[in-house]
Amino acid sequence: MAKTSSVRSSDSVIGSSAVVKGRVRGDGNLRVEGKVEGEIAIEGDLTIAEEGVVTSQVDAADVTIAGTLDGDVSAKGVVRIQRGAKVRGDIRGETFSLDEGAEFAGRLDADFDLPPELNTSSAPKRR
């Protein structure tokens, strides 16, 4: 049975047999099915497929991880770690999603605002 893919014609793909060492930069989206070692800095979304292995610092708009990532992630939007994924590194993004069955070891730095009643800087001070 043929494997279907949701890759658009404007996306770049690092195929399952490819190994890339060094910097990967671009304006569009990137799907990693192979292996990347180094740095990924793209303006679009990054998807690490189930078979993808990334040992790299990552900077992208949204990041979806179904494979393996060893490195820090900086996303302008959402970071999704899907079931079966293995991630080791620090993550920074506006929104974070961790599916049951995914592995994550690292620190999380998410940008969000606390409700006023939980924000200690605006809470009344006790005397």
PDB file of N, CA and C in Angstrom:
ATOM      1  N   MET A   1       0.845  -1.175   0.000  1.00  0.00           N
ATOM      2  CA  MET A   1       0.000   0.000   0.000  1.00  0.00           C
ATOM      3  C   MET A   1       0.892   1.240   0.000  1.00  0.00           C
ATOM      4  N   ALA A   2       0.580   2.208  -0.806  1.00  0.00           N
ATOM      5  CA  ALA A   2       1.376   3.430  -0.900  1.00  0.00           C
ATOM      6  C   ALA A   2       1.181   4.287   0.342  1.00  0.00           C
ATOM      7  N   LYS A   3       2.267   4.912   0.756  1.00  0.00           N
ATOM      8  CA  LYS A   3       2.235   5.798   1.915  1.00  0.00           C
ATOM      9  C   LYS A   3       1.832   7.188   1.446  1.00  0.00           C
ATOM     10  N   THR A   4       0.825   7.775   2.086  1.00  0.00           N
ATOM     11  CA  THR A   4       0.400   9.115   1.697  1.00  0.00           C
ATOM     12  C   THR A   4       1.182  10.150   2.480  1.00  0.00           C
ATOM     13  N   SER A   5       1.323  11.319   1.904  1.00  0.00           N
ATOM     14  CA  SER A   5       2.067  12.399   2.537  1.00  0.00           C
ATOM     15  C   SER A   5       1.295  13.695   2.375  1.00  0.00           C
ATOM     16  N   SER A   6       1.418  14.572   3.369  1.00  0.00           N
ATOM     17  CA  SER A   6       0.725  15.856   3.296  1.00  0.00           C
ATOM     18  C   SER A   6       1.673  16.975   2.883  1.00  0.00           C
ATOM     19  N   VAL A   7       2.678  16.652   2.101  1.00  0.00           N
ATOM     20  CA  VAL A   7       3.667  17.638   1.672  1.00  0.00           C
ATOM     21  C   VAL A   7       3.098  18.455   0.517  1.00  0.00           C
ATOM     22  N   ARG A   8       3.142  19.777   0.646  1.00  0.00           N
ATOM     23  CA  ARG A   8       2.712  20.673  -0.421  1.00  0.00           C
ATOM     24  C   ARG A   8       3.894  20.923  -1.357  1.00  0.00           C
ATOM     25  N   SER A   9       3.600  21.390  -2.559  1.00  0.00           N
ATOM     26  CA  SER A   9       4.662  21.618  -3.535  1.00  0.00           C
ATOM     27  C   SER A   9       5.630  22.708  -3.093  1.00  0.00           C
ATOM     28  N   SER A  10       5.206  23.595  -2.180  1.00  0.00           N
ATOM     29  CA  SER A  10       6.081  24.667  -1.707  1.00  0.00           C
ATOM     30  C   SER A  10       6.962  24.228  -0.535  1.00  0.00           C
ATOM     31  N   ASP A  11       6.761  23.000  -0.053  1.00  0.00           N
ATOM     32  CA  ASP A  11       7.549  22.488   1.063  1.00  0.00           C
ATOM     33  C   ASP A  11       8.850  21.876   0.561  1.00  0.00           C
ATOM     34  N   SER A  12       9.861  21.893   1.428  1.00  0.00           N
ATOM     35  CA  SER A  12      11.104  21.182   1.152  1.00  0.00           C
ATOM     36  C   SER A  12      11.109  19.922   1.997  1.00  0.00           C
ATOM     37  N   VAL A  13      11.685  18.851   1.448  1.00  0.00           N
ATOM     38  CA  VAL A  13      11.723  17.577   2.154  1.00  0.00           C
ATOM     39  C   VAL A  13      13.150  17.055   2.167  1.00  0.00           C
ATOM     40  N   ILE A  14      13.597  16.637   3.342  1.00  0.00           N
ATOM     41  CA  ILE A  14      14.851  15.900   3.466  1.00  0.00           C
ATOM     42  C   ILE A  14      14.427  14.444   3.571  1.00  0.00           C
ATOM     43  N   GLY A  15      14.641  13.695   2.500  1.00  0.00           N
ATOM     44  CA  GLY A  15      14.130  12.336   2.374  1.00  0.00           C
ATOM     45  C   GLY A  15      14.736  11.349   3.347  1.00  0.00           C
ATOM     46  N   SER A  16      14.092  10.197   3.455  1.00  0.00           N
ATOM     47  CA  SER A  16      14.468   9.195   4.453  1.00  0.00           C
ATOM     48  C   SER A  16      15.880   8.651   4.272  1.00  0.00           C
ATOM     49  N   SER A  17      16.430   8.698   3.069  1.00  0.00           N
ATOM     50  CA  SER A  17      17.791   8.193   2.859  1.00  0.00           C
ATOM     51  C   SER A  17      18.844   9.299   2.937  1.00  0.00           C
ATOM     52  N   ALA A  18      18.423  10.534   3.179  1.00  0.00           N
ATOM     53  CA  ALA A  18      19.351  11.673   3.191  1.00  0.00           C
ATOM     54  C   ALA A  18      19.912  11.943   4.581  1.00  0.00           C
ATOM     55  N   VAL A  19      21.194  12.361   4.608  1.00  0.00           N
ATOM     56  CA  VAL A  19      21.853  12.823   5.830  1.00  0.00           C
ATOM     57  C   VAL A  19      22.420  14.200   5.522  1.00  0.00           C
ATOM     58  N   VAL A  20      22.000  15.202   6.297  1.00  0.00           N
ATOM     59  CA  VAL A  20      22.451  16.575   6.093  1.00  0.00           C
ATOM     60  C   VAL A  20      23.240  17.000   7.321  1.00  0.00           C
ATOM     61  N   LYS A  21      24.476  17.484   7.094  1.00  0.00           N
ATOM     62  CA  LYS A  21      25.306  17.996   8.184  1.00  0.00           C
ATOM     63  C   LYS A  21      25.609  19.453   7.892  1.00  0.00           C
ATOM     64  N   GLY A  22      25.300  20.330   8.862  1.00  0.00           N
ATOM     65  CA  GLY A  22      25.538  21.754   8.674  1.00  0.00           C
ATOM     66  C   GLY A  22      24.285  22.562   8.928  1.00  0.00           C
ATOM     67  N   ARG A  23      24.188  23.717   8.270  1.00  0.00           N
ATOM     68  CA  ARG A  23      23.051  24.629   8.453  1.00  0.00           C
ATOM     69  C   ARG A  23      22.008  24.416   7.367  1.00  0.00           C
ATOM     70  N   VAL A  24      20.758  24.380   7.802  1.00  0.00           N
ATOM     71  CA  VAL A  24      19.632  24.342   6.873  1.00  0.00           C
ATOM     72  C   VAL A  24      18.839  25.614   7.123  1.00  0.00           C
ATOM     73  N   ARG A  25      18.703  26.453   6.082  1.00  0.00           N
ATOM     74  CA  ARG A  25      17.980  27.719   6.208  1.00  0.00           C
ATOM     75  C   ARG A  25      17.004  27.841   5.050  1.00  0.00           C
ATOM     76  N   GLY A  26      15.900  28.557   5.301  1.00  0.00           N
ATOM     77  CA  GLY A  26      14.947  28.759   4.218  1.00  0.00           C
ATOM     78  C   GLY A  26      13.751  29.575   4.658  1.00  0.00           C
ATOM     79  N   ASP A  27      12.946  29.957   3.666  1.00  0.00           N
ATOM     80  CA  ASP A  27      11.761  30.769   3.919  1.00  0.00           C
ATOM     81  C   ASP A  27      10.493  29.932   4.049  1.00  0.00           C
ATOM     82  N   GLY A  28      10.484  28.740   3.486  1.00  0.00           N
ATOM     83  CA  GLY A  28       9.275  27.921   3.468  1.00  0.00           C
ATOM     84  C   GLY A  28       9.246  26.891   4.579  1.00  0.00           C
ATOM     85  N   ASN A  29       8.386  25.898   4.386  1.00  0.00           N
ATOM     86  CA  ASN A  29       8.239  24.803   5.340  1.00  0.00           C
ATOM     87  C   ASN A  29       9.251  23.706   5.039  1.00  0.00           C
ATOM     88  N   LEU A  30       9.574  22.914   6.060  1.00  0.00           N
ATOM     89  CA  LEU A  30      10.530  21.823   5.902  1.00  0.00           C
ATOM     90  C   LEU A  30      10.003  20.586   6.597  1.00  0.00           C
ATOM     91  N   ARG A  31      10.089  19.456   5.902  1.00  0.00           N
ATOM     92  CA  ARG A  31       9.744  18.154   6.474  1.00  0.00           C
ATOM     93  C   ARG A  31      11.008  17.306   6.475  1.00  0.00           C
ATOM     94  N   VAL A  32      11.370  16.768   7.650  1.00  0.00           N
ATOM     95  CA  VAL A  32      12.568  15.939   7.781  1.00  0.00           C
ATOM     96  C   VAL A  32      12.137  14.488   7.953  1.00  0.00           C
ATOM     97  N   GLU A  33      12.485  13.671   6.965  1.00  0.00           N
ATOM     98  CA  GLU A  33      12.238  12.237   7.034  1.00  0.00           C
ATOM     99  C   GLU A  33      13.544  11.480   7.214  1.00  0.00           C
ATOM    100  N   GLY A  34      14.660  12.163   6.976  1.00  0.00           N
ATOM    101  CA  GLY A  34      15.984  11.572   7.108  1.00  0.00           C
ATOM    102  C   GLY A  34      16.665  12.044   8.379  1.00  0.00           C
ATOM    103  N   LYS A  35      17.941  12.433   8.236  1.00  0.00           N
ATOM    104  CA  LYS A  35      18.739  12.820   9.399  1.00  0.00           C
ATOM    105  C   LYS A  35      19.368  14.191   9.158  1.00  0.00           C
ATOM    106  N   VAL A  36      19.305  15.059  10.178  1.00  0.00           N
ATOM    107  CA  VAL A  36      19.931  16.384  10.112  1.00  0.00           C
ATOM    108  C   VAL A  36      20.787  16.568  11.353  1.00  0.00           C
ATOM    109  N   GLU A  37      22.050  16.977  11.140  1.00  0.00           N
ATOM    110  CA  GLU A  37      22.960  17.302  12.240  1.00  0.00           C
ATOM    111  C   GLU A  37      23.462  18.718  12.012  1.00  0.00           C
ATOM    112  N   GLY A  38      23.249  19.608  12.971  1.00  0.00           N
ATOM    113  CA  GLY A  38      23.732  20.978  12.822  1.00  0.00           C
ATOM    114  C   GLY A  38      22.739  21.996  13.304  1.00  0.00           C
ATOM    115  N   GLU A  39      22.196  22.791  12.374  1.00  0.00           N
ATOM    116  CA  GLU A  39      21.268  23.867  12.731  1.00  0.00           C
ATOM    117  C   GLU A  39      20.171  23.969  11.677  1.00  0.00           C
ATOM    118  N   ILE A  40      18.933  24.137  12.144  1.00  0.00           N
ATOM    119  CA  ILE A  40      17.806  24.377  11.246  1.00  0.00           C
ATOM    120  C   ILE A  40      17.205  25.725  11.623  1.00  0.00           C
ATOM    121  N   ALA A  41      17.163  26.649  10.672  1.00  0.00           N
ATOM    122  CA  ALA A  41      16.568  27.974  10.898  1.00  0.00           C
ATOM    123  C   ALA A  41      15.709  28.296   9.686  1.00  0.00           C
ATOM    124  N   ILE A  42      14.384  28.188   9.853  1.00  0.00           N
ATOM    125  CA  ILE A  42      13.478  28.435   8.739  1.00  0.00           C
ATOM    126  C   ILE A  42      12.371  29.388   9.172  1.00  0.00           C
ATOM    127  N   GLU A  43      11.801  30.085   8.200  1.00  0.00           N
ATOM    128  CA  GLU A  43      10.703  31.012   8.470  1.00  0.00           C
ATOM    129  C   GLU A  43       9.371  30.283   8.555  1.00  0.00           C
ATOM    130  N   GLY A  44       9.266  29.140   7.900  1.00  0.00           N
ATOM    131  CA  GLY A  44       8.025  28.372   7.881  1.00  0.00           C
ATOM    132  C   GLY A  44       7.969  27.354   9.005  1.00  0.00           C
ATOM    133  N   ASP A  45       7.136  26.336   8.798  1.00  0.00           N
ATOM    134  CA  ASP A  45       6.929  25.288   9.792  1.00  0.00           C
ATOM    135  C   ASP A  45       7.899  24.137   9.572  1.00  0.00           C
ATOM    136  N   LEU A  46       8.288  23.504  10.668  1.00  0.00           N
ATOM    137  CA  LEU A  46       9.161  22.335  10.620  1.00  0.00           C
ATOM    138  C   LEU A  46       8.382  21.125  11.095  1.00  0.00           C
ATOM    139  N   THR A  47       8.459  20.035  10.329  1.00  0.00           N
ATOM    140  CA  THR A  47       7.880  18.762  10.730  1.00  0.00           C
ATOM    141  C   THR A  47       8.984  17.721  10.722  1.00  0.00           C
ATOM    142  N   ILE A  48       9.166  17.055  11.849  1.00  0.00           N
ATOM    143  CA  ILE A  48      10.096  15.931  11.929  1.00  0.00           C
ATOM    144  C   ILE A  48       9.231  14.680  11.910  1.00  0.00           C
ATOM    145  N   ALA A  49       9.297  13.938  10.811  1.00  0.00           N
ATOM    146  CA  ALA A  49       8.462  12.760  10.620  1.00  0.00           C
ATOM    147  C   ALA A  49       8.881  11.642  11.574  1.00  0.00           C
ATOM    148  N   GLU A  50       8.059  10.602  11.669  1.00  0.00           N
ATOM    149  CA  GLU A  50       8.326   9.482  12.576  1.00  0.00           C
ATOM    150  C   GLU A  50       9.718   8.905  12.382  1.00  0.00           C
ATOM    151  N   GLU A  51      10.169   8.799  11.143  1.00  0.00           N
ATOM    152  CA  GLU A  51      11.481   8.228  10.857  1.00  0.00           C
ATOM    153  C   GLU A  51      12.596   9.272  10.894  1.00  0.00           C
ATOM    154  N   GLY A  52      12.259  10.532  11.087  1.00  0.00           N
ATOM    155  CA  GLY A  52      13.236  11.610  11.098  1.00  0.00           C
ATOM    156  C   GLY A  52      14.042  11.664  12.387  1.00  0.00           C
ATOM    157  N   VAL A  53      15.341  11.979  12.246  1.00  0.00           N
ATOM    158  CA  VAL A  53      16.242  12.126  13.390  1.00  0.00           C
ATOM    159  C   VAL A  53      16.973  13.451  13.227  1.00  0.00           C
ATOM    160  N   VAL A  54      16.799  14.339  14.198  1.00  0.00           N
ATOM    161  CA  VAL A  54      17.416  15.660  14.132  1.00  0.00           C
ATOM    162  C   VAL A  54      18.267  15.868  15.372  1.00  0.00           C
ATOM    163  N   THR A  55      19.568  16.119  15.155  1.00  0.00           N
ATOM    164  CA  THR A  55      20.497  16.486  16.220  1.00  0.00           C
ATOM    165  C   THR A  55      20.924  17.902  15.881  1.00  0.00           C
ATOM    166  N   SER A  56      20.167  18.866  16.394  1.00  0.00           N
ATOM    167  CA  SER A  56      20.297  20.212  15.871  1.00  0.00           C
ATOM    168  C   SER A  56      19.586  21.222  16.750  1.00  0.00           C
ATOM    169  N   GLN A  57      20.018  22.462  16.660  1.00  0.00           N
ATOM    170  CA  GLN A  57      19.256  23.581  17.206  1.00  0.00           C
ATOM    171  C   GLN A  57      18.207  23.918  16.157  1.00  0.00           C
ATOM    172  N   VAL A  58      16.980  24.181  16.600  1.00  0.00           N
ATOM    173  CA  VAL A  58      15.873  24.390  15.680  1.00  0.00           C
ATOM    174  C   VAL A  58      15.212  25.738  15.950  1.00  0.00           C
ATOM    175  N   ASP A  59      14.966  26.497  14.875  1.00  0.00           N
ATOM    176  CA  ASP A  59      14.236  27.763  14.953  1.00  0.00           C
ATOM    177  C   ASP A  59      13.262  27.790  13.779  1.00  0.00           C
ATOM    178  N   ALA A  60      11.951  27.831  14.091  1.00  0.00           N
ATOM    179  CA  ALA A  60      10.930  27.793  13.040  1.00  0.00           C
ATOM    180  C   ALA A  60       9.660  28.471  13.538  1.00  0.00           C
ATOM    181  N   ALA A  61       8.674  28.590  12.646  1.00  0.00           N
ATOM    182  CA  ALA A  61       7.389  29.177  13.033  1.00  0.00           C
ATOM    183  C   ALA A  61       6.666  28.223  13.980  1.00  0.00           C
ATOM    184  N   ASP A  62       6.196  27.093  13.481  1.00  0.00           N
ATOM    185  CA  ASP A  62       5.611  26.023  14.284  1.00  0.00           C
ATOM    186  C   ASP A  62       6.480  24.790  14.107  1.00  0.00           C
ATOM    187  N   VAL A  63       6.556  23.956  15.140  1.00  0.00           N
ATOM    188  CA  VAL A  63       7.374  22.745  15.082  1.00  0.00           C
ATOM    189  C   VAL A  63       6.517  21.560  15.510  1.00  0.00           C
ATOM    190  N   THR A  64       6.475  20.533  14.659  1.00  0.00           N
ATOM    191  CA  THR A  64       5.769  19.292  14.969  1.00  0.00           C
ATOM    192  C   THR A  64       6.782  18.162  14.940  1.00  0.00           C
ATOM    193  N   ILE A  65       6.850  17.407  16.041  1.00  0.00           N
ATOM    194  CA  ILE A  65       7.849  16.350  16.163  1.00  0.00           C
ATOM    195  C   ILE A  65       7.138  15.013  16.342  1.00  0.00           C
ATOM    196  N   ALA A  66       7.375  14.101  15.403  1.00  0.00           N
ATOM    197  CA  ALA A  66       6.868  12.738  15.506  1.00  0.00           C
ATOM    198  C   ALA A  66       8.031  11.761  15.626  1.00  0.00           C
ATOM    199  N   GLY A  67       9.239  12.217  15.296  1.00  0.00           N
ATOM    200  CA  GLY A  67      10.434  11.384  15.326  1.00  0.00           C
ATOM    201  C   GLY A  67      11.299  11.687  16.530  1.00  0.00           C
ATOM    202  N   THR A  68      12.611  11.846  16.293  1.00  0.00           N
ATOM    203  CA  THR A  68      13.584  12.052  17.362  1.00  0.00           C
ATOM    204  C   THR A  68      14.274  13.398  17.184  1.00  0.00           C
ATOM    205  N   LEU A  69      14.347  14.162  18.271  1.00  0.00           N
ATOM    206  CA  LEU A  69      15.037  15.454  18.262  1.00  0.00           C
ATOM    207  C   LEU A  69      15.930  15.548  19.479  1.00  0.00           C
ATOM    208  N   ASP A  70      17.208  15.825  19.251  1.00  0.00           N
ATOM    209  CA  ASP A  70      18.162  16.079  20.325  1.00  0.00           C
ATOM    210  C   ASP A  70      18.725  17.472  20.075  1.00  0.00           C
ATOM    211  N   GLY A  71      18.156  18.476  20.758  1.00  0.00           N
ATOM    212  CA  GLY A  71      18.571  19.859  20.568  1.00  0.00           C
ATOM    213  C   GLY A  71      17.488  20.800  21.043  1.00  0.00           C
ATOM    214  N   ASP A  72      17.833  22.059  21.144  1.00  0.00           N
ATOM    215  CA  ASP A  72      16.891  23.069  21.626  1.00  0.00           C
ATOM    216  C   ASP A  72      15.986  23.549  20.493  1.00  0.00           C
ATOM    217  N   VAL A  73      14.751  23.909  20.866  1.00  0.00           N
ATOM    218  CA  VAL A  73      13.751  24.365  19.904  1.00  0.00           C
ATOM    219  C   VAL A  73      13.298  25.768  20.275  1.00  0.00           C
ATOM    220  N   SER A  74      13.242  26.647  19.287  1.00  0.00           N
ATOM    221  CA  SER A  74      12.652  27.967  19.452  1.00  0.00           C
ATOM    222  C   SER A  74      11.600  28.120  18.360  1.00  0.00           C
ATOM    223  N   ALA A  75      10.341  28.270  18.782  1.00  0.00           N
ATOM    224  CA  ALA A  75       9.243  28.402  17.824  1.00  0.00           C
ATOM    225  C   ALA A  75       8.499  29.706  18.072  1.00  0.00           C
ATOM    226  N   LYS A  76       8.075  30.336  17.008  1.00  0.00           N
ATOM    227  CA  LYS A  76       7.280  31.558  17.132  1.00  0.00           C
ATOM    228  C   LYS A  76       5.848  31.232  17.533  1.00  0.00           C
ATOM    229  N   GLY A  77       5.432  30.000  17.300  1.00  0.00           N
ATOM    230  CA  GLY A  77       4.063  29.581  17.587  1.00  0.00           C
ATOM    231  C   GLY A  77       4.024  28.315  18.425  1.00  0.00           C
ATOM    232  N   VAL A  78       3.510  27.247  17.825  1.00  0.00           N
ATOM    233  CA  VAL A  78       3.216  25.999  18.523  1.00  0.00           C
ATOM    234  C   VAL A  78       4.355  24.994  18.392  1.00  0.00           C
ATOM    235  N   VAL A  79       4.646  24.297  19.491  1.00  0.00           N
ATOM    236  CA  VAL A  79       5.534  23.133  19.473  1.00  0.00           C
ATOM    237  C   VAL A  79       4.677  21.931  19.857  1.00  0.00           C
ATOM    238  N   ARG A  80       4.592  20.950  18.947  1.00  0.00           N
ATOM    239  CA  ARG A  80       3.802  19.742  19.189  1.00  0.00           C
ATOM    240  C   ARG A  80       4.733  18.539  19.238  1.00  0.00           C
ATOM    241  N   ILE A  81       4.640  17.776  20.315  1.00  0.00           N
ATOM    242  CA  ILE A  81       5.402  16.533  20.417  1.00  0.00           C
ATOM    243  C   ILE A  81       4.378  15.406  20.382  1.00  0.00           C
ATOM    244  N   GLN A  82       4.414  14.626  19.315  1.00  0.00           N
ATOM    245  CA  GLN A  82       3.388  13.626  19.090  1.00  0.00           C
ATOM    246  C   GLN A  82       3.748  12.273  19.698  1.00  0.00           C
ATOM    247  N   ARG A  83       2.735  11.428  19.830  1.00  0.00           N
ATOM    248  CA  ARG A  83       2.899  10.081  20.377  1.00  0.00           C
ATOM    249  C   ARG A  83       4.044   9.359  19.658  1.00  0.00           C
ATOM    250  N   GLY A  84       4.948   8.761  20.438  1.00  0.00           N
ATOM    251  CA  GLY A  84       6.077   8.028  19.884  1.00  0.00           C
ATOM    252  C   GLY A  84       7.320   8.876  19.665  1.00  0.00           C
ATOM    253  N   ALA A  85       7.198  10.190  19.747  1.00  0.00           N
ATOM    254  CA  ALA A  85       8.349  11.080  19.552  1.00  0.00           C
ATOM    255  C   ALA A  85       9.258  11.046  20.774  1.00  0.00           C
ATOM    256  N   LYS A  86      10.551  11.319  20.543  1.00  0.00           N
ATOM    257  CA  LYS A  86      11.532  11.411  21.623  1.00  0.00           C
ATOM    258  C   LYS A  86      12.262  12.735  21.470  1.00  0.00           C
ATOM    259  N   VAL A  87      12.156  13.573  22.492  1.00  0.00           N
ATOM    260  CA  VAL A  87      12.751  14.909  22.435  1.00  0.00           C
ATOM    261  C   VAL A  87      13.609  15.125  23.664  1.00  0.00           C
ATOM    262  N   ARG A  88      14.856  15.556  23.428  1.00  0.00           N
ATOM    263  CA  ARG A  88      15.755  15.921  24.521  1.00  0.00           C
ATOM    264  C   ARG A  88      16.327  17.294  24.200  1.00  0.00           C
ATOM    265  N   GLY A  89      15.943  18.287  25.012  1.00  0.00           N
ATOM    266  CA  GLY A  89      16.411  19.650  24.803  1.00  0.00           C
ATOM    267  C   GLY A  89      15.406  20.639  25.353  1.00  0.00           C
ATOM    268  N   ASP A  90      15.781  21.886  25.374  1.00  0.00           N
ATOM    269  CA  ASP A  90      14.916  22.945  25.889  1.00  0.00           C
ATOM    270  C   ASP A  90      13.998  23.448  24.778  1.00  0.00           C
ATOM    271  N   ILE A  91      12.769  23.802  25.169  1.00  0.00           N
ATOM    272  CA  ILE A  91      11.770  24.231  24.201  1.00  0.00           C
ATOM    273  C   ILE A  91      11.228  25.596  24.595  1.00  0.00           C
ATOM    274  N   ARG A  92      11.168  26.489  23.595  1.00  0.00           N
ATOM    275  CA  ARG A  92      10.568  27.810  23.788  1.00  0.00           C
ATOM    276  C   ARG A  92       9.548  28.025  22.676  1.00  0.00           C
ATOM    277  N   GLY A  93       8.334  28.402  23.077  1.00  0.00           N
ATOM    278  CA  GLY A  93       7.286  28.663  22.099  1.00  0.00           C
ATOM    279  C   GLY A  93       6.086  29.290  22.776  1.00  0.00           C
ATOM    280  N   GLU A  94       5.119  29.731  21.983  1.00  0.00           N
ATOM    281  CA  GLU A  94       3.906  30.320  22.551  1.00  0.00           C
ATOM    282  C   GLU A  94       2.994  29.258  23.132  1.00  0.00           C
ATOM    283  N   THR A  95       2.927  28.103  22.464  1.00  0.00           N
ATOM    284  CA  THR A  95       2.052  27.020  22.885  1.00  0.00           C
ATOM    285  C   THR A  95       2.818  25.714  22.812  1.00  0.00           C
ATOM    286  N   PHE A  96       2.542  24.813  23.748  1.00  0.00           N
ATOM    287  CA  PHE A  96       3.239  23.532  23.829  1.00  0.00           C
ATOM    288  C   PHE A  96       2.207  22.424  23.953  1.00  0.00           C
ATOM    289  N   SER A  97       2.403  21.355  23.188  1.00  0.00           N
ATOM    290  CA  SER A  97       1.501  20.212  23.227  1.00  0.00           C
ATOM    291  C   SER A  97       2.331  18.936  23.313  1.00  0.00           C
ATOM    292  N   LEU A  98       2.033  18.096  24.297  1.00  0.00           N
ATOM    293  CA  LEU A  98       2.744  16.826  24.491  1.00  0.00           C
ATOM    294  C   LEU A  98       1.716  15.706  24.520  1.00  0.00           C
ATOM    295  N   ASP A  99       1.745  14.855  23.502  1.00  0.00           N
ATOM    296  CA  ASP A  99       0.802  13.741  23.436  1.00  0.00           C
ATOM    297  C   ASP A  99       1.194  12.638  24.410  1.00  0.00           C
ATOM    298  N   GLU A 100       0.197  11.894  24.858  1.00  0.00           N
ATOM    299  CA  GLU A 100       0.458  10.711  25.674  1.00  0.00           C
ATOM    300  C   GLU A 100       1.286   9.739  24.836  1.00  0.00           C
ATOM    301  N   GLY A 101       2.312   9.157  25.450  1.00  0.00           N
ATOM    302  CA  GLY A 101       3.181   8.234  24.733  1.00  0.00           C
ATOM    303  C   GLY A 101       4.394   8.898  24.112  1.00  0.00           C
ATOM    304  N   ALA A 102       4.508  10.216  24.246  1.00  0.00           N
ATOM    305  CA  ALA A 102       5.688  10.940  23.769  1.00  0.00           C
ATOM    306  C   ALA A 102       6.673  11.092  24.919  1.00  0.00           C
ATOM    307  N   GLU A 103       7.963  11.229  24.600  1.00  0.00           N
ATOM    308  CA  GLU A 103       8.996  11.422  25.616  1.00  0.00           C
ATOM    309  C   GLU A 103       9.600  12.809  25.463  1.00  0.00           C
ATOM    310  N   PHE A 104       9.717  13.530  26.590  1.00  0.00           N
ATOM    311  CA  PHE A 104      10.318  14.862  26.589  1.00  0.00           C
ATOM    312  C   PHE A 104      11.185  15.015  27.824  1.00  0.00           C
ATOM    313  N   ALA A 105      12.467  15.348  27.616  1.00  0.00           N
ATOM    314  CA  ALA A 105      13.394  15.631  28.711  1.00  0.00           C
ATOM    315  C   ALA A 105      14.048  16.970  28.416  1.00  0.00           C
ATOM    316  N   GLY A 106      13.764  17.964  29.241  1.00  0.00           N
ATOM    317  CA  GLY A 106      14.331  19.287  29.026  1.00  0.00           C
ATOM    318  C   GLY A 106      13.524  20.326  29.769  1.00  0.00           C
ATOM    319  N   ARG A 107      13.805  21.580  29.467  1.00  0.00           N
ATOM    320  CA  ARG A 107      13.074  22.692  30.085  1.00  0.00           C
ATOM    321  C   ARG A 107      12.085  23.256  29.082  1.00  0.00           C
ATOM    322  N   LEU A 108      10.999  23.781  29.624  1.00  0.00           N
ATOM    323  CA  LEU A 108       9.960  24.382  28.803  1.00  0.00           C
ATOM    324  C   LEU A 108       9.838  25.852  29.161  1.00  0.00           C
ATOM    325  N   ASP A 109       9.898  26.715  28.152  1.00  0.00           N
ATOM    326  CA  ASP A 109       9.727  28.153  28.335  1.00  0.00           C
ATOM    327  C   ASP A 109       8.640  28.596  27.364  1.00  0.00           C
ATOM    328  N   ALA A 110       7.404  28.648  27.852  1.00  0.00           N
ATOM    329  CA  ALA A 110       6.273  29.014  26.998  1.00  0.00           C
ATOM    330  C   ALA A 110       5.871  30.453  27.284  1.00  0.00           C
ATOM    331  N   ASP A 111       5.550  31.191  26.245  1.00  0.00           N
ATOM    332  CA  ASP A 111       5.100  32.575  26.380  1.00  0.00           C
ATOM    333  C   ASP A 111       3.588  32.596  26.540  1.00  0.00           C
ATOM    334  N   PHE A 112       3.127  32.925  27.724  1.00  0.00           N
ATOM    335  CA  PHE A 112       1.703  33.069  27.955  1.00  0.00           C
ATOM    336  C   PHE A 112       1.506  34.028  29.107  1.00  0.00           C
ATOM    337  N   ASP A 113       0.325  34.614  29.184  1.00  0.00           N
ATOM    338  CA  ASP A 113      -0.001  35.555  30.252  1.00  0.00           C
ATOM    339  C   ASP A 113      -0.793  34.845  31.333  1.00  0.00           C
ATOM    340  N   LEU A 114      -0.404  35.070  32.574  1.00  0.00           N
ATOM    341  CA  LEU A 114      -1.151  34.533  33.703  1.00  0.00           C
ATOM    342  C   LEU A 114      -2.424  35.334  33.904  1.00  0.00           C
ATOM    343  N   PRO A 115      -3.487  34.676  34.379  1.00  0.00           N
ATOM    344  CA  PRO A 115      -4.678  35.437  34.749  1.00  0.00           C
ATOM    345  C   PRO A 115      -4.319  36.424  35.853  1.00  0.00           C
ATOM    346  N   PRO A 116      -5.001  37.563  35.936  1.00  0.00           N
ATOM    347  CA  PRO A 116      -4.657  38.596  36.920  1.00  0.00           C
ATOM    348  C   PRO A 116      -4.569  38.070  38.355  1.00  0.00           C
ATOM    349  N   GLU A 117      -5.447  37.134  38.719  1.00  0.00           N
ATOM    350  CA  GLU A 117      -5.429  36.627  40.097  1.00  0.00           C
ATOM    351  C   GLU A 117      -4.191  35.771  40.396  1.00  0.00           C
ATOM    352  N   LEU A 118      -3.489  35.310  39.372  1.00  0.00           N
ATOM    353  CA  LEU A 118      -2.279  34.514  39.582  1.00  0.00           C
ATOM    354  C   LEU A 118      -1.002  35.299  39.325  1.00  0.00           C
ATOM    355  N   ASN A 119      -1.122  36.461  38.755  1.00  0.00           N
ATOM    356  CA  ASN A 119       0.034  37.280  38.431  1.00  0.00           C
ATOM    357  C   ASN A 119       0.506  37.991  39.693  1.00  0.00           C
ATOM    358  N   THR A 120       1.643  37.569  40.235  1.00  0.00           N
ATOM    359  CA  THR A 120       2.135  38.113  41.507  1.00  0.00           C
ATOM    360  C   THR A 120       2.549  39.569  41.396  1.00  0.00           C
ATOM    361  N   SER A 121       2.894  40.028  40.208  1.00  0.00           N
ATOM    362  CA  SER A 121       3.316  41.425  40.083  1.00  0.00           C
ATOM    363  C   SER A 121       2.137  42.387  40.200  1.00  0.00           C
ATOM    364  N   SER A 122       0.902  41.920  39.940  1.00  0.00           N
ATOM    365  CA  SER A 122      -0.255  42.803  40.051  1.00  0.00           C
ATOM    366  C   SER A 122      -1.117  42.487  41.272  1.00  0.00           C
ATOM    367  N   ALA A 123      -0.757  41.447  42.015  1.00  0.00           N
ATOM    368  CA  ALA A 123      -1.532  41.075  43.206  1.00  0.00           C
ATOM    369  C   ALA A 123      -1.265  42.074  44.324  1.00  0.00           C
ATOM    370  N   PRO A 124      -2.271  42.334  45.178  1.00  0.00           N
ATOM    371  CA  PRO A 124      -2.044  43.253  46.300  1.00  0.00           C
ATOM    372  C   PRO A 124      -0.980  42.703  47.242  1.00  0.00           C
ATOM    373  N   LYS A 125      -0.167  43.581  47.751  1.00  0.00           N
ATOM    374  CA  LYS A 125       0.912  43.170  48.656  1.00  0.00           C
ATOM    375  C   LYS A 125       0.398  43.092  50.082  1.00  0.00           C
ATOM    376  N   ARG A 126       0.857  42.073  50.797  1.00  0.00           N
ATOM    377  CA  ARG A 126       0.487  41.922  52.210  1.00  0.00           C
ATOM    378  C   ARG A 126       1.403  42.768  53.068  1.00  0.00           C
ATOM    379  N   ARG A 127       0.857  43.258  54.181  1.00  0.00           N
ATOM    380  CA  ARG A 127       1.668  44.061  55.111  1.00  0.00           C
ATOM    381  C   ARG A 127       1.876  43.332  56.392  1.00  0.00           C
TER     382      ARG A 127
END
